[in-house]
Amino acid sequence: MSQPSEEECTAELRDAGMTEESIKGLAELTERFKVGFAAAKDSAEGPDKFIEEYTADDKRFREAMPAGDQEIYSVYLKKHGLDG
């Protein structure tokens, strides 16, 4: 099974009832990862520092999401095998 596109992800989260603010924040994190990881791979420090900072920011954002959005996202991650 292939991973859903960004548009499919957004639609699925929206249909599940996630707030637009959380959807937007998750999309911004995704874009930050795509751009930042590519740049970090070629940097002198390598990707380790980027991954560490990104992971901390991702965790903070997810913990700040409303409880209902956290539950929706948890179910979404499990459904797509991304919770491990």
N, C-alpha and C. Protein backbone atom coordinates (compact mmCIF):
# COMPACT_ATOMS: atom_id res chain seq x y z
N MET A 1 0.85 -1.18 0.00
CA MET A 1 0.00 0.00 0.00
C MET A 1 0.89 1.24 0.00
N SER A 2 0.63 2.13 -0.92
CA SER A 2 1.43 3.35 -0.99
C SER A 2 0.93 4.39 -0.01
N GLN A 3 1.83 5.27 0.37
CA GLN A 3 1.47 6.34 1.29
C GLN A 3 0.58 7.35 0.57
N PRO A 4 -0.37 7.94 1.29
CA PRO A 4 -1.25 8.93 0.67
C PRO A 4 -0.48 10.21 0.32
N SER A 5 -0.99 10.92 -0.68
CA SER A 5 -0.39 12.20 -1.05
C SER A 5 -0.70 13.23 0.04
N GLU A 6 -0.03 14.37 -0.03
CA GLU A 6 -0.29 15.43 0.95
C GLU A 6 -1.75 15.87 0.88
N GLU A 7 -2.29 15.95 -0.33
CA GLU A 7 -3.69 16.35 -0.49
C GLU A 7 -4.63 15.33 0.14
N GLU A 8 -4.32 14.04 -0.06
CA GLU A 8 -5.14 12.98 0.54
C GLU A 8 -5.04 13.01 2.06
N CYS A 9 -3.84 13.26 2.58
CA CYS A 9 -3.65 13.37 4.03
C CYS A 9 -4.49 14.50 4.60
N THR A 10 -4.40 15.65 3.96
CA THR A 10 -5.16 16.81 4.42
C THR A 10 -6.65 16.51 4.41
N ALA A 11 -7.13 15.93 3.33
CA ALA A 11 -8.56 15.62 3.22
C ALA A 11 -8.98 14.62 4.29
N GLU A 12 -8.17 13.61 4.52
CA GLU A 12 -8.50 12.60 5.52
C GLU A 12 -8.56 13.20 6.92
N LEU A 13 -7.58 14.03 7.26
CA LEU A 13 -7.57 14.66 8.58
C LEU A 13 -8.75 15.62 8.74
N ARG A 14 -9.04 16.37 7.69
CA ARG A 14 -10.17 17.31 7.71
C ARG A 14 -11.49 16.54 7.88
N ASP A 15 -11.65 15.46 7.12
CA ASP A 15 -12.87 14.65 7.20
C ASP A 15 -13.03 14.02 8.57
N ALA A 16 -11.90 13.74 9.24
CA ALA A 16 -11.95 13.16 10.59
C ALA A 16 -12.29 14.20 11.65
N GLY A 17 -12.27 15.48 11.26
CA GLY A 17 -12.65 16.54 12.20
C GLY A 17 -11.50 17.33 12.80
N MET A 18 -10.29 17.16 12.27
CA MET A 18 -9.16 17.92 12.80
C MET A 18 -9.33 19.40 12.47
N THR A 19 -8.90 20.26 13.39
CA THR A 19 -9.00 21.70 13.18
C THR A 19 -8.05 22.14 12.06
N GLU A 20 -8.43 23.21 11.39
CA GLU A 20 -7.61 23.74 10.30
C GLU A 20 -6.24 24.19 10.81
N GLU A 21 -6.19 24.72 12.01
CA GLU A 21 -4.91 25.17 12.58
C GLU A 21 -3.93 24.00 12.71
N SER A 22 -4.43 22.86 13.19
CA SER A 22 -3.55 21.70 13.33
C SER A 22 -3.14 21.15 11.96
N ILE A 23 -4.08 21.11 11.03
CA ILE A 23 -3.76 20.64 9.68
C ILE A 23 -2.68 21.53 9.06
N LYS A 24 -2.84 22.83 9.20
CA LYS A 24 -1.86 23.77 8.65
C LYS A 24 -0.49 23.57 9.31
N GLY A 25 -0.48 23.42 10.62
CA GLY A 25 0.79 23.23 11.33
C GLY A 25 1.49 21.95 10.92
N LEU A 26 0.74 20.87 10.75
CA LEU A 26 1.34 19.62 10.31
C LEU A 26 1.89 19.74 8.89
N ALA A 27 1.17 20.45 8.03
CA ALA A 27 1.65 20.66 6.66
C ALA A 27 2.95 21.47 6.67
N GLU A 28 3.02 22.47 7.54
CA GLU A 28 4.23 23.29 7.64
C GLU A 28 5.41 22.46 8.15
N LEU A 29 5.15 21.57 9.11
CA LEU A 29 6.21 20.69 9.60
C LEU A 29 6.69 19.76 8.50
N THR A 30 5.76 19.23 7.72
CA THR A 30 6.12 18.35 6.61
C THR A 30 7.02 19.06 5.61
N GLU A 31 6.62 20.27 5.25
CA GLU A 31 7.41 21.05 4.29
C GLU A 31 8.79 21.38 4.88
N ARG A 32 8.81 21.75 6.14
CA ARG A 32 10.08 22.05 6.81
C ARG A 32 11.01 20.84 6.77
N PHE A 33 10.44 19.66 6.98
CA PHE A 33 11.27 18.46 6.96
C PHE A 33 11.82 18.21 5.56
N LYS A 34 10.97 18.31 4.56
CA LYS A 34 11.41 18.04 3.18
C LYS A 34 12.56 18.96 2.78
N VAL A 35 12.42 20.24 3.06
CA VAL A 35 13.43 21.22 2.67
C VAL A 35 14.66 21.12 3.59
N GLY A 36 14.41 21.07 4.88
CA GLY A 36 15.51 21.08 5.85
C GLY A 36 16.37 19.84 5.83
N PHE A 37 15.75 18.67 5.67
CA PHE A 37 16.53 17.44 5.67
C PHE A 37 17.42 17.37 4.44
N ALA A 38 16.90 17.77 3.30
CA ALA A 38 17.71 17.77 2.08
C ALA A 38 18.93 18.67 2.24
N ALA A 39 18.74 19.83 2.82
CA ALA A 39 19.86 20.76 3.04
C ALA A 39 20.81 20.22 4.10
N ALA A 40 20.27 19.61 5.14
CA ALA A 40 21.10 19.11 6.24
C ALA A 40 21.98 17.95 5.80
N LYS A 41 21.50 17.14 4.88
CA LYS A 41 22.31 16.01 4.40
C LYS A 41 23.62 16.49 3.80
N ASP A 42 23.59 17.65 3.18
CA ASP A 42 24.78 18.18 2.51
C ASP A 42 25.59 19.14 3.38
N SER A 43 25.15 19.38 4.60
CA SER A 43 25.85 20.33 5.46
C SER A 43 27.03 19.64 6.16
N ALA A 44 27.90 20.46 6.71
CA ALA A 44 29.06 19.93 7.43
C ALA A 44 28.64 19.15 8.67
N GLU A 45 27.55 19.57 9.31
CA GLU A 45 27.07 18.90 10.52
C GLU A 45 26.32 17.61 10.20
N GLY A 46 25.87 17.48 8.97
CA GLY A 46 25.06 16.33 8.61
C GLY A 46 23.65 16.47 9.15
N PRO A 47 22.84 15.46 8.97
CA PRO A 47 21.43 15.58 9.33
C PRO A 47 21.12 15.41 10.81
N ASP A 48 22.07 14.96 11.62
CA ASP A 48 21.77 14.65 13.01
C ASP A 48 21.20 15.83 13.79
N LYS A 49 21.83 16.99 13.67
CA LYS A 49 21.36 18.17 14.41
C LYS A 49 19.97 18.58 13.92
N PHE A 50 19.77 18.55 12.61
CA PHE A 50 18.46 18.90 12.07
C PHE A 50 17.39 17.95 12.61
N ILE A 51 17.65 16.66 12.58
CA ILE A 51 16.68 15.67 13.06
C ILE A 51 16.36 15.91 14.53
N GLU A 52 17.37 16.19 15.32
CA GLU A 52 17.17 16.44 16.75
C GLU A 52 16.26 17.66 16.97
N GLU A 53 16.55 18.75 16.28
CA GLU A 53 15.75 19.97 16.44
C GLU A 53 14.34 19.78 15.88
N TYR A 54 14.24 19.14 14.73
CA TYR A 54 12.94 18.92 14.11
C TYR A 54 12.07 18.04 15.00
N THR A 55 12.64 16.97 15.53
CA THR A 55 11.90 16.05 16.39
C THR A 55 11.36 16.77 17.62
N ALA A 56 12.17 17.62 18.22
CA ALA A 56 11.74 18.38 19.40
C ALA A 56 10.61 19.34 19.04
N ASP A 57 10.73 20.04 17.91
CA ASP A 57 9.68 20.97 17.48
C ASP A 57 8.39 20.23 17.13
N ASP A 58 8.53 19.08 16.47
CA ASP A 58 7.37 18.27 16.12
C ASP A 58 6.63 17.81 17.38
N LYS A 59 7.39 17.36 18.36
CA LYS A 59 6.79 16.89 19.61
C LYS A 59 6.06 18.03 20.31
N ARG A 60 6.69 19.20 20.38
CA ARG A 60 6.06 20.35 21.02
C ARG A 60 4.75 20.73 20.31
N PHE A 61 4.80 20.74 18.99
CA PHE A 61 3.60 21.10 18.24
C PHE A 61 2.48 20.09 18.49
N ARG A 62 2.80 18.82 18.40
CA ARG A 62 1.77 17.79 18.57
C ARG A 62 1.18 17.82 19.98
N GLU A 63 2.01 18.08 20.98
CA GLU A 63 1.52 18.16 22.36
C GLU A 63 0.66 19.40 22.58
N ALA A 64 0.86 20.44 21.77
CA ALA A 64 0.08 21.68 21.89
C ALA A 64 -1.23 21.62 21.11
N MET A 65 -1.38 20.62 20.26
CA MET A 65 -2.63 20.49 19.50
C MET A 65 -3.77 20.18 20.48
N PRO A 66 -5.00 20.58 20.15
CA PRO A 66 -6.13 20.21 20.99
C PRO A 66 -6.21 18.68 21.14
N ALA A 67 -6.73 18.24 22.28
CA ALA A 67 -6.78 16.80 22.57
C ALA A 67 -7.48 16.01 21.46
N GLY A 68 -8.55 16.55 20.93
CA GLY A 68 -9.26 15.85 19.86
C GLY A 68 -8.40 15.68 18.62
N ASP A 69 -7.62 16.71 18.29
CA ASP A 69 -6.72 16.63 17.14
C ASP A 69 -5.60 15.63 17.39
N GLN A 70 -5.12 15.58 18.62
CA GLN A 70 -4.08 14.60 18.96
C GLN A 70 -4.60 13.18 18.74
N GLU A 71 -5.83 12.94 19.16
CA GLU A 71 -6.43 11.61 18.99
C GLU A 71 -6.62 11.29 17.51
N ILE A 72 -7.12 12.24 16.75
CA ILE A 72 -7.30 12.04 15.30
C ILE A 72 -5.96 11.71 14.66
N TYR A 73 -4.93 12.44 15.02
CA TYR A 73 -3.61 12.22 14.42
C TYR A 73 -3.04 10.87 14.83
N SER A 74 -3.24 10.49 16.07
CA SER A 74 -2.77 9.19 16.54
C SER A 74 -3.42 8.06 15.74
N VAL A 75 -4.72 8.15 15.54
CA VAL A 75 -5.45 7.14 14.76
C VAL A 75 -4.93 7.13 13.32
N TYR A 76 -4.72 8.32 12.76
CA TYR A 76 -4.21 8.45 11.39
C TYR A 76 -2.84 7.78 11.26
N LEU A 77 -1.94 8.05 12.19
CA LEU A 77 -0.60 7.46 12.14
C LEU A 77 -0.67 5.94 12.21
N LYS A 78 -1.49 5.41 13.10
CA LYS A 78 -1.64 3.96 13.22
C LYS A 78 -2.20 3.37 11.93
N LYS A 79 -3.21 4.01 11.38
CA LYS A 79 -3.85 3.53 10.15
C LYS A 79 -2.83 3.38 9.02
N HIS A 80 -1.90 4.30 8.94
CA HIS A 80 -0.93 4.31 7.84
C HIS A 80 0.42 3.72 8.23
N GLY A 81 0.49 3.08 9.41
CA GLY A 81 1.72 2.42 9.83
C GLY A 81 2.87 3.36 10.11
N LEU A 82 2.53 4.57 10.57
CA LEU A 82 3.55 5.59 10.82
C LEU A 82 3.74 5.87 12.30
N ASP A 83 3.24 5.01 13.14
CA ASP A 83 3.28 5.27 14.59
C ASP A 83 4.46 4.60 15.28
N GLY A 84 5.34 4.02 14.55
CA GLY A 84 6.43 3.29 15.17
C GLY A 84 7.70 3.99 15.11
